[in-house]
C-alpha atoms as a PDB file:
ATOM      1  CA  MET A   1     259.928 -45.821  61.114  1.00  0.00           C
ATOM      2  CA  SER A   2     255.975 -46.019  61.081  1.00  0.00           C
ATOM      3  CA  ASP A   3     253.658 -43.664  60.281  1.00  0.00           C
ATOM      4  CA  ALA A   4     251.158 -44.760  62.449  1.00  0.00           C
ATOM      5  CA  HIS A   5     249.682 -42.844  65.548  1.00  0.00           C
ATOM      6  CA  PRO A   6     250.153 -44.185  69.045  1.00  0.00           C
ATOM      7  CA  ALA A   7     247.278 -45.185  70.572  1.00  0.00           C
ATOM      8  CA  VAL A   8     245.345 -42.864  72.932  1.00  0.00           C
ATOM      9  CA  PRO A   9     244.856 -45.264  76.482  1.00  0.00           C
ATOM     10  CA  GLN A  10     241.617 -46.256  76.895  1.00  0.00           C
ATOM     11  CA  SER A  11     239.865 -43.845  79.748  1.00  0.00           C
ATOM     12  CA  LYS A  12     238.641 -45.924  83.121  1.00  0.00           C
ATOM     13  CA  GLU A  13     236.975 -42.466  84.242  1.00  0.00           C
ATOM     14  CA  TYR A  14     234.888 -40.095  82.033  1.00  0.00           C
ATOM     15  CA  VAL A  15     234.379 -36.208  82.978  1.00  0.00           C
ATOM     16  CA  ALA A  16     230.069 -35.230  83.917  1.00  0.00           C
ATOM     17  CA  GLU A  17     229.199 -32.030  83.219  1.00  0.00           C
ATOM     18  CA  PHE A  18     225.967 -30.555  84.555  1.00  0.00           C
ATOM     19  CA  ILE A  19     224.398 -28.082  82.323  1.00  0.00           C
ATOM     20  CA  ASP A  20     221.461 -26.928  83.625  1.00  0.00           C
ATOM     21  CA  GLY A  21     219.222 -26.685  86.829  1.00  0.00           C
ATOM     22  CA  PRO A  22     220.571 -26.757  90.491  1.00  0.00           C
ATOM     23  CA  PHE A  23     224.390 -28.311  89.479  1.00  0.00           C
ATOM     24  CA  GLU A  24     224.553 -26.306  86.300  1.00  0.00           C
ATOM     25  CA  GLY A  25     228.372 -25.508  85.998  1.00  0.00           C
ATOM     26  CA  ARG A  26     229.666 -28.428  88.169  1.00  0.00           C
ATOM     27  CA  VAL A  27     231.745 -30.870  86.744  1.00  0.00           C
ATOM     28  CA  GLU A  28     233.290 -33.659  88.572  1.00  0.00           C
ATOM     29  CA  HIS A  29     234.768 -37.396  87.247  1.00  0.00           C
ATOM     30  CA  ARG A  30     233.021 -40.647  87.655  1.00  0.00           C
ATOM     31  CA  ILE A  31     234.417 -44.078  86.957  1.00  0.00           C
ATOM     32  CA  LEU A  32     233.321 -45.741  83.558  1.00  0.00           C
ATOM     33  CA  ILE A  33     231.186 -49.119  83.828  1.00  0.00           C
ATOM     34  CA  ASP A  34     232.292 -51.989  81.765  1.00  0.00           C
ATOM     35  CA  GLY A  35     233.403 -48.669  79.469  1.00  0.00           C
ATOM     36  CA  LYS A  36     230.300 -46.980  79.568  1.00  0.00           C
ATOM     37  CA  TYR A  37     228.701 -43.650  81.054  1.00  0.00           C
ATOM     38  CA  ASP A  38     225.506 -43.351  82.979  1.00  0.00           C
ATOM     39  CA  GLU A  39     222.856 -42.501  80.864  1.00  0.00           C
ATOM     40  CA  GLU A  40     221.432 -41.025  83.856  1.00  0.00           C
ATOM     41  CA  ILE A  41     222.796 -40.056  87.294  1.00  0.00           C
ATOM     42  CA  SER A  42     221.054 -38.287  91.045  1.00  0.00           C
ATOM     43  CA  GLU A  43     222.653 -35.964  93.144  1.00  0.00           C
ATOM     44  CA  MET A  44     221.550 -35.271  96.320  1.00  0.00           C
ATOM     45  CA  ALA A  45     221.541 -32.030  98.248  1.00  0.00           C
ATOM     46  CA  SER A  46     220.363 -30.027 100.957  1.00  0.00           C
ATOM     47  CA  VAL A  47     217.659 -27.590 101.047  1.00  0.00           C
ATOM     48  CA  VAL A  48     216.468 -25.550 103.864  1.00  0.00           C
ATOM     49  CA  GLY A  49     217.349 -28.470 105.895  1.00  0.00           C
ATOM     50  CA  SER A  50     215.831 -31.726 103.916  1.00  0.00           C
ATOM     51  CA  GLU A  51     217.671 -33.301 101.454  1.00  0.00           C
ATOM     52  CA  ARG A  52     216.160 -33.316  98.020  1.00  0.00           C
ATOM     53  CA  LEU A  53     217.139 -36.085  95.138  1.00  0.00           C
ATOM     54  CA  PHE A  54     218.102 -34.123  91.531  1.00  0.00           C
ATOM     55  CA  TRP A  55     217.826 -36.074  88.410  1.00  0.00           C
ATOM     56  CA  TYR A  56     219.951 -35.718  85.193  1.00  0.00           C
ATOM     57  CA  VAL A  57     220.544 -37.549  81.699  1.00  0.00           C
ATOM     58  CA  ALA A  58     222.926 -37.517  79.654  1.00  0.00           C
ATOM     59  CA  GLU A  59     222.664 -35.099  76.541  1.00  0.00           C
ATOM     60  CA  ASP A  60     225.212 -36.066  74.626  1.00  0.00           C
ATOM     61  CA  SER A  61     228.912 -36.957  74.318  1.00  0.00           C
ATOM     62  CA  ARG A  62     232.462 -36.560  73.315  1.00  0.00           C
ATOM     63  CA  VAL A  63     236.247 -37.385  73.603  1.00  0.00           C
ATOM     64  CA  ILE A  64     238.739 -34.941  74.463  1.00  0.00           C
ATOM     65  CA  GLN A  65     242.128 -36.322  74.750  1.00  0.00           C
ATOM     66  CA  GLY A  66     241.391 -39.874  75.265  1.00  0.00           C
ATOM     67  CA  VAL A  67     239.053 -39.099  78.273  1.00  0.00           C
ATOM     68  CA  PRO A  68     234.932 -39.041  77.638  1.00  0.00           C
ATOM     69  CA  HIS A  69     233.063 -35.670  78.404  1.00  0.00           C
ATOM     70  CA  VAL A  70     229.414 -36.470  78.839  1.00  0.00           C
ATOM     71  CA  ARG A  71     227.044 -33.438  79.257  1.00  0.00           C
ATOM     72  CA  TYR A  72     223.926 -34.297  81.738  1.00  0.00           C
ATOM     73  CA  ARG A  73     220.668 -31.903  81.463  1.00  0.00           C
ATOM     74  CA  TRP A  74     218.325 -31.930  84.798  1.00  0.00           C
ATOM     75  CA  ASP A  75     215.134 -33.692  84.754  1.00  0.00           C
ATOM     76  CA  GLU A  76     213.484 -31.586  86.355  1.00  0.00           C
ATOM     77  CA  ARG A  77     209.837 -33.539  86.485  1.00  0.00           C
ATOM     78  CA  ASP A  78     211.568 -37.095  88.317  1.00  0.00           C
ATOM     79  CA  SER A  79     213.234 -34.432  90.777  1.00  0.00           C
ATOM     80  CA  ASP A  80     212.161 -33.486  94.009  1.00  0.00           C
ATOM     81  CA  ALA A  81     211.239 -29.652  94.224  1.00  0.00           C
ATOM     82  CA  VAL A  82     213.114 -27.306  94.641  1.00  0.00           C
ATOM     83  CA  GLN A  83     211.907 -23.260  94.709  1.00  0.00           C
ATOM     84  CA  ASP A  84     215.059 -21.430  94.436  1.00  0.00           C
ATOM     85  CA  ASP A  85     218.113 -22.699  93.897  1.00  0.00           C
ATOM     86  CA  THR A  86     220.223 -20.215  95.854  1.00  0.00           C
ATOM     87  CA  ASP A  87     218.486 -22.853  98.925  1.00  0.00           C
ATOM     88  CA  ILE A  88     220.792 -25.321  97.926  1.00  0.00           C
ATOM     89  CA  ASP A  89     223.234 -25.972 101.048  1.00  0.00           C
ATOM     90  CA  SER A  90     225.898 -27.881  99.124  1.00  0.00           C
ATOM     91  CA  LEU A  91     226.304 -26.191  96.272  1.00  0.00           C
ATOM     92  CA  ARG A  92     227.697 -23.181  98.292  1.00  0.00           C
ATOM     93  CA  PHE A  93     231.754 -23.072  98.040  1.00  0.00           C
END
Protein backbone atom coordinates (compact mmCIF):
# COMPACT_ATOMS: atom_id res chain seq x y z
CA MET A 1 0.00 0.00 0.00
CA SER A 2 1.35 3.39 -0.99
CA ASP A 3 1.27 6.56 1.10
CA ALA A 4 0.98 8.69 -2.03
CA HIS A 5 -2.19 10.72 -2.42
CA PRO A 6 -4.12 10.31 -5.67
CA ALA A 7 -3.49 13.12 -8.12
CA VAL A 8 -6.26 15.67 -8.57
CA PRO A 9 -7.21 15.81 -12.24
CA GLN A 10 -6.14 18.96 -14.07
CA SER A 11 -9.16 21.20 -14.63
CA LYS A 12 -10.01 22.43 -18.12
CA GLU A 13 -12.04 25.30 -16.75
CA TYR A 14 -11.91 27.89 -14.03
CA VAL A 15 -14.37 29.88 -11.97
CA ALA A 16 -14.42 33.65 -12.51
CA GLU A 17 -15.66 35.63 -9.51
CA PHE A 18 -16.56 39.30 -10.02
CA ILE A 19 -15.75 41.14 -6.79
CA ASP A 20 -16.94 44.66 -7.63
CA GLY A 21 -18.40 46.89 -10.32
CA PRO A 22 -21.57 46.29 -12.32
CA PHE A 23 -21.20 42.49 -12.18
CA GLU A 24 -20.32 42.29 -8.47
CA GLY A 25 -21.29 38.92 -6.99
CA ARG A 26 -21.59 37.19 -10.37
CA VAL A 27 -19.78 33.87 -10.83
CA GLU A 28 -19.24 32.06 -14.13
CA HIS A 29 -17.33 29.06 -15.44
CA ARG A 30 -14.79 29.84 -18.17
CA ILE A 31 -12.41 27.70 -20.24
CA LEU A 32 -8.67 27.64 -19.50
CA ILE A 33 -6.58 28.40 -22.61
CA ASP A 34 -3.29 26.47 -22.63
CA GLY A 35 -3.88 25.80 -18.92
CA LYS A 36 -4.09 29.52 -18.08
CA TYR A 37 -6.91 31.84 -17.09
CA ASP A 38 -7.53 35.22 -18.72
CA GLU A 39 -5.71 38.13 -17.08
CA GLU A 40 -8.34 40.50 -18.45
CA ILE A 41 -11.93 39.78 -19.49
CA SER A 42 -14.83 41.84 -20.79
CA GLU A 43 -18.54 41.61 -20.09
CA MET A 44 -21.34 43.21 -22.11
CA ALA A 45 -24.57 44.58 -20.66
CA SER A 46 -27.51 46.62 -21.86
CA VAL A 47 -27.79 49.96 -20.04
CA VAL A 48 -30.92 51.99 -20.78
CA GLY A 49 -31.21 50.41 -24.23
CA SER A 50 -27.56 50.64 -25.31
CA GLU A 51 -24.80 48.07 -25.06
CA ARG A 52 -21.93 48.81 -22.65
CA LEU A 53 -18.60 47.00 -22.35
CA PHE A 54 -17.12 46.45 -18.89
CA TRP A 55 -13.52 45.32 -18.38
CA TYR A 56 -12.28 43.23 -15.46
CA VAL A 57 -8.69 42.43 -14.45
CA ALA A 58 -7.54 39.35 -12.50
CA GLU A 59 -6.91 40.28 -8.87
CA ASP A 60 -5.77 36.93 -7.47
CA SER A 61 -6.38 33.20 -7.80
CA ARG A 62 -6.55 30.02 -5.75
CA VAL A 63 -7.33 26.36 -6.39
CA ILE A 64 -10.33 24.75 -4.71
CA GLN A 65 -10.74 20.99 -5.12
CA GLY A 66 -8.56 21.06 -8.23
CA VAL A 67 -10.44 23.91 -9.92
CA PRO A 68 -8.84 27.35 -10.27
CA HIS A 69 -10.91 30.24 -8.91
CA VAL A 70 -9.97 33.73 -10.10
CA ARG A 71 -11.23 36.95 -8.54
CA TYR A 72 -11.70 39.81 -11.01
CA ARG A 73 -11.73 43.52 -10.17
CA TRP A 74 -13.62 46.05 -12.30
CA ASP A 75 -11.39 48.31 -14.42
CA GLU A 76 -13.61 51.39 -14.37
CA ARG A 77 -11.18 53.55 -16.37
CA ASP A 78 -11.22 51.21 -19.41
CA SER A 79 -14.93 50.37 -19.17
CA ASP A 80 -17.83 52.20 -20.75
CA ALA A 81 -19.53 54.69 -18.44
CA VAL A 82 -22.48 53.61 -16.34
CA GLN A 83 -24.42 56.06 -14.19
CA ASP A 84 -26.34 53.65 -11.98
CA ASP A 85 -25.69 49.91 -11.57
CA THR A 86 -29.43 49.28 -11.18
CA ASP A 87 -29.95 50.24 -14.85
CA ILE A 88 -28.07 47.20 -16.18
CA ASP A 89 -30.81 45.06 -17.72
CA SER A 90 -28.74 41.89 -18.04
CA LEU A 91 -28.15 41.79 -14.28
CA ARG A 92 -31.83 41.54 -13.38
CA PHE A 93 -32.52 37.89 -12.65
